[in-house]
Amino acid sequence: MITAETIKQYIENSLPCELVQIEGDDGYHFQAIIVSSEFRGKRTIQQHQLVYQALGEKMGQDIHALSMRTYTPEEWTARI
């Protein structure tokens, strides 16, 4: 069973991030907040695709559901 910490590590190892927060306690369904400068100029679907690429085969196999909120650093700062 995959953990939130493992998902965080996969994302951080493949995508430069300022912040990655992963929650989920059943081992299959997770929620994520991801802040990355790589998201600049990309639509939400493109941002999510970058995260899915970082997770590779884990999506659909070990991770059954991942709800994401993705932000550029500027968008994240503006929300605080």
N, C-alpha and C. Protein backbone atom coordinates (compact mmCIF):
# COMPACT_ATOMS: atom_id res chain seq x y z
N MET A 1 0.85 -1.17 0.00
CA MET A 1 0.00 0.00 0.00
C MET A 1 0.90 1.24 0.00
N ILE A 2 0.55 2.21 -0.81
CA ILE A 2 1.32 3.45 -0.94
C ILE A 2 0.90 4.45 0.14
N THR A 3 1.83 5.28 0.55
CA THR A 3 1.54 6.27 1.58
C THR A 3 1.59 7.68 1.00
N ALA A 4 1.04 8.62 1.74
CA ALA A 4 1.08 10.03 1.34
C ALA A 4 2.53 10.50 1.21
N GLU A 5 3.38 10.07 2.11
CA GLU A 5 4.79 10.46 2.07
C GLU A 5 5.48 9.94 0.82
N THR A 6 5.15 8.72 0.41
CA THR A 6 5.73 8.15 -0.80
C THR A 6 5.30 8.95 -2.03
N ILE A 7 4.04 9.32 -2.09
CA ILE A 7 3.54 10.13 -3.21
C ILE A 7 4.27 11.46 -3.24
N LYS A 8 4.42 12.07 -2.09
CA LYS A 8 5.14 13.34 -1.99
C LYS A 8 6.55 13.20 -2.55
N GLN A 9 7.24 12.13 -2.19
CA GLN A 9 8.61 11.92 -2.65
C GLN A 9 8.67 11.73 -4.17
N TYR A 10 7.73 10.98 -4.73
CA TYR A 10 7.68 10.80 -6.19
C TYR A 10 7.54 12.14 -6.89
N ILE A 11 6.63 12.96 -6.40
CA ILE A 11 6.39 14.27 -7.02
C ILE A 11 7.63 15.15 -6.88
N GLU A 12 8.17 15.24 -5.69
CA GLU A 12 9.33 16.11 -5.45
C GLU A 12 10.57 15.65 -6.22
N ASN A 13 10.70 14.36 -6.46
CA ASN A 13 11.85 13.84 -7.21
C ASN A 13 11.75 14.10 -8.70
N SER A 14 10.54 14.34 -9.21
CA SER A 14 10.35 14.51 -10.64
C SER A 14 9.97 15.92 -11.06
N LEU A 15 9.59 16.74 -10.12
CA LEU A 15 9.05 18.06 -10.45
C LEU A 15 9.56 19.06 -9.42
N PRO A 16 10.21 20.15 -9.87
CA PRO A 16 10.67 21.14 -8.89
C PRO A 16 9.46 21.81 -8.23
N CYS A 17 9.37 21.68 -6.92
CA CYS A 17 8.21 22.18 -6.19
C CYS A 17 8.63 23.06 -5.03
N GLU A 18 7.84 24.07 -4.79
CA GLU A 18 8.03 24.90 -3.61
C GLU A 18 7.27 24.32 -2.43
N LEU A 19 6.19 23.59 -2.73
CA LEU A 19 5.37 22.99 -1.67
C LEU A 19 4.65 21.77 -2.22
N VAL A 20 4.65 20.70 -1.45
CA VAL A 20 3.85 19.51 -1.76
C VAL A 20 3.23 19.05 -0.45
N GLN A 21 1.91 19.06 -0.39
CA GLN A 21 1.19 18.54 0.76
C GLN A 21 0.26 17.43 0.27
N ILE A 22 0.39 16.27 0.85
CA ILE A 22 -0.44 15.13 0.47
C ILE A 22 -1.16 14.63 1.71
N GLU A 23 -2.45 14.38 1.58
CA GLU A 23 -3.24 13.80 2.65
C GLU A 23 -4.00 12.61 2.12
N GLY A 24 -4.30 11.70 2.99
CA GLY A 24 -5.07 10.51 2.64
C GLY A 24 -4.77 9.43 3.64
N ASP A 25 -5.81 8.78 4.13
CA ASP A 25 -5.57 7.81 5.19
C ASP A 25 -6.05 6.40 4.88
N ASP A 26 -6.55 6.19 3.66
CA ASP A 26 -7.01 4.84 3.35
C ASP A 26 -6.06 4.08 2.43
N GLY A 27 -4.97 4.75 2.00
CA GLY A 27 -3.98 4.09 1.17
C GLY A 27 -4.30 4.06 -0.31
N TYR A 28 -5.45 4.59 -0.72
CA TYR A 28 -5.85 4.57 -2.13
C TYR A 28 -6.33 5.92 -2.65
N HIS A 29 -6.91 6.72 -1.78
CA HIS A 29 -7.50 8.01 -2.16
C HIS A 29 -6.74 9.13 -1.45
N PHE A 30 -6.25 10.09 -2.25
CA PHE A 30 -5.39 11.12 -1.70
C PHE A 30 -5.81 12.51 -2.20
N GLN A 31 -5.47 13.52 -1.42
CA GLN A 31 -5.68 14.91 -1.79
C GLN A 31 -4.31 15.58 -1.76
N ALA A 32 -4.07 16.46 -2.76
CA ALA A 32 -2.76 17.10 -2.86
C ALA A 32 -2.89 18.59 -3.12
N ILE A 33 -1.96 19.33 -2.52
CA ILE A 33 -1.71 20.73 -2.87
C ILE A 33 -0.27 20.77 -3.35
N ILE A 34 -0.09 21.28 -4.57
CA ILE A 34 1.24 21.29 -5.17
C ILE A 34 1.51 22.69 -5.73
N VAL A 35 2.63 23.26 -5.33
CA VAL A 35 3.04 24.58 -5.81
C VAL A 35 4.36 24.41 -6.56
N SER A 36 4.36 24.82 -7.82
CA SER A 36 5.57 24.67 -8.64
C SER A 36 5.66 25.78 -9.67
N SER A 37 6.87 26.26 -9.88
CA SER A 37 7.10 27.25 -10.94
C SER A 37 6.90 26.63 -12.33
N GLU A 38 6.96 25.30 -12.41
CA GLU A 38 6.72 24.60 -13.68
C GLU A 38 5.29 24.78 -14.17
N PHE A 39 4.40 25.20 -13.31
CA PHE A 39 3.00 25.37 -13.69
C PHE A 39 2.73 26.71 -14.39
N ARG A 40 3.69 27.62 -14.35
CA ARG A 40 3.50 28.93 -14.97
C ARG A 40 3.16 28.79 -16.46
N GLY A 41 2.12 29.52 -16.87
CA GLY A 41 1.74 29.53 -18.28
C GLY A 41 1.00 28.29 -18.75
N LYS A 42 0.70 27.38 -17.83
CA LYS A 42 0.01 26.14 -18.20
C LYS A 42 -1.41 26.16 -17.66
N ARG A 43 -2.30 25.57 -18.42
CA ARG A 43 -3.68 25.39 -17.95
C ARG A 43 -3.69 24.32 -16.87
N THR A 44 -4.78 24.29 -16.11
CA THR A 44 -4.89 23.34 -15.00
C THR A 44 -4.68 21.91 -15.47
N ILE A 45 -5.27 21.54 -16.58
CA ILE A 45 -5.13 20.17 -17.07
C ILE A 45 -3.67 19.85 -17.38
N GLN A 46 -2.93 20.81 -17.91
CA GLN A 46 -1.52 20.60 -18.20
C GLN A 46 -0.71 20.47 -16.91
N GLN A 47 -1.08 21.24 -15.90
CA GLN A 47 -0.42 21.14 -14.60
C GLN A 47 -0.63 19.75 -14.01
N HIS A 48 -1.87 19.28 -14.08
CA HIS A 48 -2.18 17.95 -13.54
C HIS A 48 -1.44 16.87 -14.32
N GLN A 49 -1.31 17.04 -15.61
CA GLN A 49 -0.59 16.06 -16.42
C GLN A 49 0.87 15.96 -15.99
N LEU A 50 1.48 17.10 -15.62
CA LEU A 50 2.86 17.07 -15.12
C LEU A 50 2.96 16.22 -13.85
N VAL A 51 1.96 16.35 -12.98
CA VAL A 51 1.96 15.57 -11.74
C VAL A 51 1.75 14.09 -12.05
N TYR A 52 0.82 13.79 -12.97
CA TYR A 52 0.59 12.39 -13.35
C TYR A 52 1.85 11.78 -13.94
N GLN A 53 2.59 12.55 -14.73
CA GLN A 53 3.85 12.06 -15.30
C GLN A 53 4.84 11.74 -14.18
N ALA A 54 4.88 12.59 -13.17
CA ALA A 54 5.78 12.36 -12.04
C ALA A 54 5.44 11.06 -11.31
N LEU A 55 4.17 10.74 -11.27
CA LEU A 55 3.73 9.53 -10.55
C LEU A 55 3.79 8.28 -11.42
N GLY A 56 3.82 8.46 -12.72
CA GLY A 56 3.97 7.34 -13.64
C GLY A 56 2.94 6.24 -13.42
N GLU A 57 3.42 5.01 -13.36
CA GLU A 57 2.55 3.84 -13.26
C GLU A 57 1.82 3.74 -11.93
N LYS A 58 2.24 4.51 -10.95
CA LYS A 58 1.56 4.47 -9.65
C LYS A 58 0.10 4.91 -9.78
N MET A 59 -0.15 5.84 -10.72
CA MET A 59 -1.53 6.28 -10.94
C MET A 59 -2.31 5.15 -11.58
N GLY A 60 -3.44 4.84 -11.01
CA GLY A 60 -4.28 3.78 -11.55
C GLY A 60 -3.95 2.41 -11.00
N GLN A 61 -2.74 2.23 -10.49
CA GLN A 61 -2.37 0.95 -9.89
C GLN A 61 -2.42 1.07 -8.37
N ASP A 62 -1.45 1.81 -7.83
CA ASP A 62 -1.39 1.97 -6.37
C ASP A 62 -2.26 3.11 -5.88
N ILE A 63 -2.40 4.15 -6.71
CA ILE A 63 -3.20 5.32 -6.35
C ILE A 63 -4.49 5.26 -7.17
N HIS A 64 -5.60 5.10 -6.51
CA HIS A 64 -6.87 4.99 -7.23
C HIS A 64 -7.50 6.34 -7.48
N ALA A 65 -7.23 7.30 -6.61
CA ALA A 65 -7.79 8.64 -6.78
C ALA A 65 -6.84 9.65 -6.16
N LEU A 66 -6.59 10.72 -6.93
CA LEU A 66 -5.76 11.81 -6.44
C LEU A 66 -6.45 13.12 -6.81
N SER A 67 -6.97 13.80 -5.83
CA SER A 67 -7.58 15.10 -6.02
C SER A 67 -6.49 16.14 -5.84
N MET A 68 -6.30 17.00 -6.85
CA MET A 68 -5.19 17.95 -6.81
C MET A 68 -5.67 19.39 -6.89
N ARG A 69 -4.95 20.23 -6.15
CA ARG A 69 -5.03 21.68 -6.33
C ARG A 69 -3.61 22.12 -6.65
N THR A 70 -3.41 22.66 -7.84
CA THR A 70 -2.08 23.06 -8.28
C THR A 70 -2.02 24.58 -8.41
N TYR A 71 -0.86 25.13 -8.03
CA TYR A 71 -0.67 26.58 -8.04
C TYR A 71 0.73 26.93 -8.49
N THR A 72 0.87 28.09 -9.13
CA THR A 72 2.19 28.67 -9.31
C THR A 72 2.57 29.31 -7.99
N PRO A 73 3.84 29.62 -7.77
CA PRO A 73 4.22 30.30 -6.52
C PRO A 73 3.46 31.61 -6.31
N GLU A 74 3.23 32.34 -7.39
CA GLU A 74 2.52 33.61 -7.31
C GLU A 74 1.06 33.40 -6.90
N GLU A 75 0.43 32.40 -7.48
CA GLU A 75 -0.97 32.10 -7.12
C GLU A 75 -1.06 31.66 -5.65
N TRP A 76 -0.09 30.87 -5.21
CA TRP A 76 -0.09 30.40 -3.83
C TRP A 76 0.09 31.56 -2.87
N THR A 77 1.03 32.44 -3.15
CA THR A 77 1.28 33.61 -2.30
C THR A 77 0.05 34.51 -2.24
N ALA A 78 -0.64 34.67 -3.35
CA ALA A 78 -1.82 35.54 -3.40
C ALA A 78 -2.97 34.98 -2.57
N ARG A 79 -3.01 33.68 -2.34
CA ARG A 79 -4.10 33.09 -1.54
C ARG A 79 -3.88 33.26 -0.05
N ILE A 80 -2.65 33.48 0.35
CA ILE A 80 -2.34 33.55 1.79
C ILE A 80 -2.66 34.91 2.35
